[in-house]
C-alpha atoms as a PDB file:
ATOM      1  CA  MET A   1      37.303  -9.841  28.894  1.00  0.00           C
ATOM      2  CA  ASN A   2      38.261 -13.383  30.902  1.00  0.00           C
ATOM      3  CA  ASN A   3      36.337 -15.203  33.145  1.00  0.00           C
ATOM      4  CA  ALA A   4      38.679 -17.188  35.297  1.00  0.00           C
ATOM      5  CA  GLY A   5      37.810 -19.818  32.806  1.00  0.00           C
ATOM      6  CA  GLY A   6      39.466 -18.387  30.230  1.00  0.00           C
ATOM      7  CA  LYS A   7      36.000 -18.075  28.011  1.00  0.00           C
ATOM      8  CA  PRO A   8      35.465 -14.945  27.299  1.00  0.00           C
ATOM      9  CA  LYS A   9      31.658 -13.312  28.605  1.00  0.00           C
ATOM     10  CA  ILE A  10      31.294 -10.834  25.037  1.00  0.00           C
ATOM     11  CA  CYS A  11      33.489 -10.797  22.090  1.00  0.00           C
ATOM     12  CA  LEU A  12      33.678  -7.274  20.857  1.00  0.00           C
ATOM     13  CA  VAL A  13      33.198  -6.747  17.047  1.00  0.00           C
ATOM     14  CA  LYS A  14      36.336  -6.222  15.156  1.00  0.00           C
ATOM     15  CA  ASP A  15      35.814  -3.804  13.385  1.00  0.00           C
ATOM     16  CA  LEU A  16      34.401  -1.691  16.225  1.00  0.00           C
ATOM     17  CA  ASP A  17      37.196   0.774  15.633  1.00  0.00           C
ATOM     18  CA  GLU A  18      36.036   2.167  12.781  1.00  0.00           C
ATOM     19  CA  TYR A  19      33.172   3.845  14.131  1.00  0.00           C
ATOM     20  CA  ASN A  20      35.310   6.554  16.062  1.00  0.00           C
ATOM     21  CA  PHE A  21      34.135   9.433  15.441  1.00  0.00           C
ATOM     22  CA  LYS A  22      31.528   8.609  13.071  1.00  0.00           C
ATOM     23  CA  THR A  23      27.750   8.204  14.183  1.00  0.00           C
ATOM     24  CA  MET A  24      26.249   4.121  15.063  1.00  0.00           C
ATOM     25  CA  PRO A  25      22.553   3.502  13.898  1.00  0.00           C
ATOM     26  CA  VAL A  26      20.460   2.003  15.897  1.00  0.00           C
ATOM     27  CA  GLY A  27      20.739  -1.656  16.134  1.00  0.00           C
ATOM     28  CA  THR A  28      24.675  -1.469  15.159  1.00  0.00           C
ATOM     29  CA  LEU A  29      26.079  -5.342  16.776  1.00  0.00           C
ATOM     30  CA  LEU A  30      28.194  -4.635  19.082  1.00  0.00           C
ATOM     31  CA  GLY A  31      29.570  -7.830  19.898  1.00  0.00           C
ATOM     32  CA  HIS A  32      28.035 -11.250  21.360  1.00  0.00           C
ATOM     33  CA  ARG A  33      28.374 -12.377  24.868  1.00  0.00           C
ATOM     34  CA  THR A  34      28.238 -16.356  26.044  1.00  0.00           C
ATOM     35  CA  PRO A  35      25.006 -17.751  26.557  1.00  0.00           C
ATOM     36  CA  GLU A  36      23.286 -17.333  29.229  1.00  0.00           C
ATOM     37  CA  SER A  37      26.119 -14.872  30.804  1.00  0.00           C
ATOM     38  CA  HIS A  38      25.147 -11.864  32.849  1.00  0.00           C
ATOM     39  CA  ALA A  39      28.052  -9.571  31.268  1.00  0.00           C
ATOM     40  CA  CYS A  40      27.145  -6.333  29.891  1.00  0.00           C
ATOM     41  CA  ILE A  41      28.908  -3.288  28.334  1.00  0.00           C
ATOM     42  CA  LEU A  42      28.506  -0.379  30.290  1.00  0.00           C
ATOM     43  CA  VAL A  43      28.081   3.071  28.811  1.00  0.00           C
ATOM     44  CA  LYS A  44      29.270   5.898  31.476  1.00  0.00           C
ATOM     45  CA  ASP A  45      29.430   9.725  30.611  1.00  0.00           C
ATOM     46  CA  ALA A  46      32.381  11.959  32.121  1.00  0.00           C
ATOM     47  CA  ASP A  47      31.085  12.531  35.309  1.00  0.00           C
ATOM     48  CA  GLY A  48      30.774   8.654  35.636  1.00  0.00           C
ATOM     49  CA  THR A  49      26.686   8.316  35.240  1.00  0.00           C
ATOM     50  CA  ASP A  50      25.489   5.189  33.882  1.00  0.00           C
ATOM     51  CA  HIS A  51      23.857   5.298  30.659  1.00  0.00           C
ATOM     52  CA  THR A  52      23.706   1.648  30.194  1.00  0.00           C
ATOM     53  CA  GLN A  53      20.044   1.064  29.740  1.00  0.00           C
ATOM     54  CA  GLU A  54      19.597   4.224  27.648  1.00  0.00           C
ATOM     55  CA  TYR A  55      21.963   2.594  24.945  1.00  0.00           C
ATOM     56  CA  ILE A  56      22.416  -0.939  24.743  1.00  0.00           C
ATOM     57  CA  TYR A  57      19.996  -3.870  24.548  1.00  0.00           C
ATOM     58  CA  THR A  58      20.867  -7.790  24.750  1.00  0.00           C
ATOM     59  CA  GLU A  59      18.904  -9.986  22.521  1.00  0.00           C
ATOM     60  CA  ASN A  60      19.943 -13.847  21.410  1.00  0.00           C
ATOM     61  CA  ASP A  61      23.135 -12.866  23.393  1.00  0.00           C
ATOM     62  CA  GLU A  62      24.135 -10.575  20.892  1.00  0.00           C
ATOM     63  CA  VAL A  63      24.529  -6.681  22.327  1.00  0.00           C
ATOM     64  CA  ARG A  64      23.179  -4.056  20.201  1.00  0.00           C
ATOM     65  CA  LEU A  65      22.676  -0.106  20.185  1.00  0.00           C
ATOM     66  CA  LYS A  66      19.193   1.177  21.186  1.00  0.00           C
ATOM     67  CA  ARG A  67      19.721   4.667  20.113  1.00  0.00           C
ATOM     68  CA  PRO A  68      22.401   6.352  17.803  1.00  0.00           C
ATOM     69  CA  ALA A  69      25.773   6.514  19.206  1.00  0.00           C
ATOM     70  CA  PHE A  70      29.026   9.069  18.283  1.00  0.00           C
ATOM     71  CA  PRO A  71      32.259   7.698  20.052  1.00  0.00           C
ATOM     72  CA  ALA A  72      34.701   9.238  20.311  1.00  0.00           C
END
Protein backbone atom coordinates (compact mmCIF):
# COMPACT_ATOMS: atom_id res chain seq x y z
CA MET A 1 0.00 0.00 0.00
CA ASN A 2 1.41 3.38 -0.94
CA ASN A 3 0.70 6.78 0.51
CA ALA A 4 0.42 9.94 -1.56
CA GLY A 5 4.20 10.45 -1.47
CA GLY A 6 4.79 7.04 -3.01
CA LYS A 7 6.68 5.52 -0.05
CA PRO A 8 5.15 2.32 1.28
CA LYS A 9 3.86 2.49 4.84
CA ILE A 10 4.00 -1.30 5.22
CA CYS A 11 6.18 -3.68 3.23
CA LEU A 12 5.12 -7.31 3.52
CA VAL A 13 7.78 -10.01 3.60
CA LYS A 14 8.33 -11.34 0.09
CA ASP A 15 7.66 -15.01 0.90
CA LEU A 16 4.43 -14.45 2.82
CA ASP A 17 2.42 -16.47 0.30
CA GLU A 18 4.43 -19.57 1.25
CA TYR A 19 2.41 -19.65 4.50
CA ASN A 20 -0.90 -20.28 2.70
CA PHE A 21 -2.56 -23.35 4.21
CA LYS A 22 0.23 -23.72 6.81
CA THR A 23 0.28 -22.72 10.46
CA MET A 24 2.17 -19.50 11.08
CA PRO A 25 3.74 -19.58 14.57
CA VAL A 26 3.67 -16.82 17.20
CA GLY A 27 6.17 -14.10 16.32
CA THR A 28 6.09 -14.72 12.56
CA LEU A 29 7.33 -11.59 10.78
CA LEU A 30 4.65 -10.33 8.40
CA GLY A 31 6.34 -7.12 7.33
CA HIS A 32 7.94 -3.83 8.27
CA ARG A 33 6.23 -0.50 8.60
CA THR A 34 7.66 2.92 7.94
CA PRO A 35 9.11 4.41 11.15
CA GLU A 36 6.58 6.55 13.02
CA SER A 37 3.80 5.29 10.75
CA HIS A 38 0.54 4.23 12.30
CA ALA A 39 -0.20 1.90 9.40
CA CYS A 40 -1.36 -1.58 10.33
CA ILE A 41 -2.47 -4.88 8.91
CA LEU A 42 -6.12 -5.61 9.60
CA VAL A 43 -7.40 -9.07 10.53
CA LYS A 44 -11.10 -9.69 9.93
CA ASP A 45 -13.19 -12.84 9.82
CA ALA A 46 -15.71 -13.77 7.12
CA ASP A 47 -18.40 -11.72 8.89
CA GLY A 48 -16.21 -8.62 8.94
CA THR A 49 -15.49 -8.73 12.68
CA ASP A 50 -12.13 -7.12 13.45
CA HIS A 51 -9.62 -9.41 15.21
CA THR A 52 -6.51 -7.30 14.63
CA GLN A 53 -5.72 -6.77 18.33
CA GLU A 54 -5.88 -10.53 18.91
CA TYR A 55 -3.46 -11.43 16.11
CA ILE A 56 -1.10 -8.55 15.30
CA TYR A 57 1.51 -6.57 17.22
CA THR A 58 4.19 -4.13 16.15
CA GLU A 59 7.60 -3.88 17.76
CA ASN A 60 10.50 -1.82 16.41
CA ASP A 61 8.46 -1.24 13.23
CA GLU A 62 8.18 -5.01 12.65
CA VAL A 63 4.66 -6.35 12.21
CA ARG A 64 4.35 -9.82 13.82
CA LEU A 65 1.80 -12.41 14.90
CA LYS A 66 0.65 -12.53 18.53
CA ARG A 67 -0.82 -16.01 18.14
CA PRO A 68 -0.66 -18.87 15.66
CA ALA A 69 -2.64 -18.37 12.47
CA PHE A 70 -3.64 -20.57 9.54
CA PRO A 71 -4.14 -18.40 6.45
CA ALA A 72 -6.30 -19.91 3.75
